[in-house]
């Protein structure tokens, strides 16, 4: 028996087709984020909240190994059932929570998460988990909704304003925080942990 703690703004897996729409692909082209990561091909990349693999599918061919973690086994099953999945030989999917990542310490070069930040309940545990997973000088890429009305997305009052997101990254020990200009309705940051 699994218990889903839905706090009213966690994404409903049954809406997964919305995540895969052509319109979303145009507005949130996953290739843009994949390019922004500047991967060399030898990295281990961790996608927190991998969902149906919308971003993972673009990032996986550019790295050595991609680990996708999601708290929803249903989302992971949808990703596994996609036609492209068997071709993504370097992708490993795990069920798990963002605050308690199922990966060994210092085992990941790059962590990314998209549209997850506003759902995080324990920011301290969340960022501690990311820092634990990353190797020294490891990088984080995060994308989330601007805190203003947009087409689709969670209610604006559930979103975290860009300035606050940046302040949180600083508070939890990330450095070289850079703003990336990727999407119209979303802000994006890259950041690093110390060597």
Foldseek 3Di string as FASTA:
>chain_A
DDDDDDPPADDDLVVVVVVVDPVCCVQAVLLLVLVVVVAQAAFEEEEEQCFLPNNVVNNLRRYQAYEYEEQDVSRVVNNCPDPCNVVSVRYHYDYDHLLADPAAFQQGQEYEYEQCVLVDDDLQSNLVSVNRNHHAFGKYKYKHFALDDDPDDDHSVSDDHPVVVVVSCVVNAWPPWDWDDRGDGMTMIMTTHHD
